[in-house]
Amino acid sequence: MVTTESVAMQTARLRWRCRRGMRELDVLLTRYLDRTYPGTSPAERAVFAQLLDLPDPELFAYLFAGAIPEEAVHREIIARIRREPA
């Protein structure tokens, strides 16, 4: 059973992991975490956490330079993050 406290703790850990070496990544990832992440499925939450393991240059390429991830699940969440309104 997932408690409110555990979801809050998980979100706090992810917020820290969204702090990157590039401000552009910080803004985009945190925006997704604040606006979209709370309503996502456990599977999408796991994929988001996986994305945060990627190095900054790779994430930047996916989110800003149009690079396409090999894994379909990564392509889907990258597309959702890109569509997040400013």
C-alpha atoms as a PDB file:
ATOM      1  CA  MET A   1       0.000   0.000   0.000  1.00  0.00           C
ATOM      2  CA  VAL A   2       1.341   3.416  -0.961  1.00  0.00           C
ATOM      3  CA  THR A   3       0.830   6.046   1.685  1.00  0.00           C
ATOM      4  CA  THR A   4       0.596   9.765   1.195  1.00  0.00           C
ATOM      5  CA  GLU A   5       3.806  10.124   3.151  1.00  0.00           C
ATOM      6  CA  SER A   6       5.693   7.700   0.931  1.00  0.00           C
ATOM      7  CA  VAL A   7       4.456   9.472  -2.224  1.00  0.00           C
ATOM      8  CA  ALA A   8       5.532  12.816  -0.736  1.00  0.00           C
ATOM      9  CA  MET A   9       8.944  11.399   0.154  1.00  0.00           C
ATOM     10  CA  GLN A  10       9.331   9.878  -3.302  1.00  0.00           C
ATOM     11  CA  THR A  11       8.412  13.193  -4.928  1.00  0.00           C
ATOM     12  CA  ALA A  12      10.894  15.057  -2.715  1.00  0.00           C
ATOM     13  CA  ARG A  13      13.678  12.661  -3.755  1.00  0.00           C
ATOM     14  CA  LEU A  14      12.749  13.077  -7.408  1.00  0.00           C
ATOM     15  CA  ARG A  15      12.684  16.864  -7.044  1.00  0.00           C
ATOM     16  CA  TRP A  16      16.279  16.714  -5.817  1.00  0.00           C
ATOM     17  CA  ARG A  17      17.219  14.468  -8.765  1.00  0.00           C
ATOM     18  CA  CYS A  18      15.601  16.974 -11.171  1.00  0.00           C
ATOM     19  CA  ARG A  19      18.286  19.478 -10.177  1.00  0.00           C
ATOM     20  CA  ARG A  20      20.729  19.119 -13.025  1.00  0.00           C
ATOM     21  CA  GLY A  21      23.814  20.849 -14.324  1.00  0.00           C
ATOM     22  CA  MET A  22      21.737  22.684 -16.921  1.00  0.00           C
ATOM     23  CA  ARG A  23      19.047  25.154 -15.906  1.00  0.00           C
ATOM     24  CA  GLU A  24      16.925  24.259 -18.926  1.00  0.00           C
ATOM     25  CA  LEU A  25      16.722  20.658 -17.725  1.00  0.00           C
ATOM     26  CA  ASP A  26      15.928  21.753 -14.164  1.00  0.00           C
ATOM     27  CA  VAL A  27      12.980  23.821 -15.345  1.00  0.00           C
ATOM     28  CA  LEU A  28      11.513  21.252 -17.717  1.00  0.00           C
ATOM     29  CA  LEU A  29      11.901  18.256 -15.415  1.00  0.00           C
ATOM     30  CA  THR A  30      10.591  20.076 -12.348  1.00  0.00           C
ATOM     31  CA  ARG A  31       7.617  21.414 -14.313  1.00  0.00           C
ATOM     32  CA  TYR A  32       6.710  17.850 -15.336  1.00  0.00           C
ATOM     33  CA  LEU A  33       7.188  16.649 -11.742  1.00  0.00           C
ATOM     34  CA  ASP A  34       4.894  19.370 -10.373  1.00  0.00           C
ATOM     35  CA  ARG A  35       2.164  19.308 -13.004  1.00  0.00           C
ATOM     36  CA  THR A  36       1.962  15.856 -14.546  1.00  0.00           C
ATOM     37  CA  TYR A  37       3.775  13.353 -12.347  1.00  0.00           C
ATOM     38  CA  PRO A  38       1.163  13.247  -9.546  1.00  0.00           C
ATOM     39  CA  GLY A  39      -1.491  11.912 -11.953  1.00  0.00           C
ATOM     40  CA  THR A  40       0.667   9.334 -13.695  1.00  0.00           C
ATOM     41  CA  SER A  41       0.634   5.567 -13.372  1.00  0.00           C
ATOM     42  CA  PRO A  42       3.210   3.717 -11.274  1.00  0.00           C
ATOM     43  CA  ALA A  43       4.772   2.467 -14.527  1.00  0.00           C
ATOM     44  CA  GLU A  44       5.248   6.003 -15.875  1.00  0.00           C
ATOM     45  CA  ARG A  45       6.641   7.111 -12.523  1.00  0.00           C
ATOM     46  CA  ALA A  46       9.241   4.350 -12.747  1.00  0.00           C
ATOM     47  CA  VAL A  47      10.191   5.414 -16.288  1.00  0.00           C
ATOM     48  CA  PHE A  48      10.569   9.029 -15.153  1.00  0.00           C
ATOM     49  CA  ALA A  49      12.910   7.896 -12.389  1.00  0.00           C
ATOM     50  CA  GLN A  50      14.917   5.936 -15.002  1.00  0.00           C
ATOM     51  CA  LEU A  51      15.227   9.053 -17.159  1.00  0.00           C
ATOM     52  CA  LEU A  52      16.748  10.915 -14.239  1.00  0.00           C
ATOM     53  CA  ASP A  53      19.580   8.376 -14.247  1.00  0.00           C
ATOM     54  CA  LEU A  54      20.661   9.551 -17.711  1.00  0.00           C
ATOM     55  CA  PRO A  55      23.558  12.003 -18.033  1.00  0.00           C
ATOM     56  CA  ASP A  56      22.679  15.645 -18.691  1.00  0.00           C
ATOM     57  CA  PRO A  57      23.956  15.738 -22.304  1.00  0.00           C
ATOM     58  CA  GLU A  58      21.793  12.745 -23.225  1.00  0.00           C
ATOM     59  CA  LEU A  59      18.690  14.188 -21.527  1.00  0.00           C
ATOM     60  CA  PHE A  60      19.317  17.538 -23.181  1.00  0.00           C
ATOM     61  CA  ALA A  61      19.561  15.859 -26.581  1.00  0.00           C
ATOM     62  CA  TYR A  62      16.235  14.089 -26.032  1.00  0.00           C
ATOM     63  CA  LEU A  63      14.372  17.085 -24.653  1.00  0.00           C
ATOM     64  CA  PHE A  64      15.809  19.968 -26.675  1.00  0.00           C
ATOM     65  CA  ALA A  65      17.725  18.691 -29.691  1.00  0.00           C
ATOM     66  CA  GLY A  66      15.199  16.207 -31.048  1.00  0.00           C
ATOM     67  CA  ALA A  67      17.213  13.048 -30.384  1.00  0.00           C
ATOM     68  CA  ILE A  68      15.015   9.962 -30.136  1.00  0.00           C
ATOM     69  CA  PRO A  69      15.497   7.417 -27.333  1.00  0.00           C
ATOM     70  CA  GLU A  70      15.779   3.774 -28.377  1.00  0.00           C
ATOM     71  CA  GLU A  71      13.272   2.486 -25.799  1.00  0.00           C
ATOM     72  CA  ALA A  72       9.597   3.092 -26.626  1.00  0.00           C
ATOM     73  CA  VAL A  73       8.713   3.892 -22.997  1.00  0.00           C
ATOM     74  CA  HIS A  74      11.377   6.587 -22.940  1.00  0.00           C
ATOM     75  CA  ARG A  75      10.084   8.036 -26.220  1.00  0.00           C
ATOM     76  CA  GLU A  76       6.586   8.321 -24.743  1.00  0.00           C
ATOM     77  CA  ILE A  77       7.592  10.127 -21.574  1.00  0.00           C
ATOM     78  CA  ILE A  78      10.034  12.398 -23.420  1.00  0.00           C
ATOM     79  CA  ALA A  79       7.151  13.420 -25.684  1.00  0.00           C
ATOM     80  CA  ARG A  80       4.960  14.135 -22.636  1.00  0.00           C
ATOM     81  CA  ILE A  81       7.683  16.228 -20.994  1.00  0.00           C
ATOM     82  CA  ARG A  82       8.245  18.188 -24.213  1.00  0.00           C
ATOM     83  CA  ARG A  83       4.499  18.932 -24.478  1.00  0.00           C
ATOM     84  CA  GLU A  84       4.357  20.349 -20.937  1.00  0.00           C
ATOM     85  CA  PRO A  85       3.230  23.987 -21.328  1.00  0.00           C
ATOM     86  CA  ALA A  86       5.510  26.742 -20.075  1.00  0.00           C
END
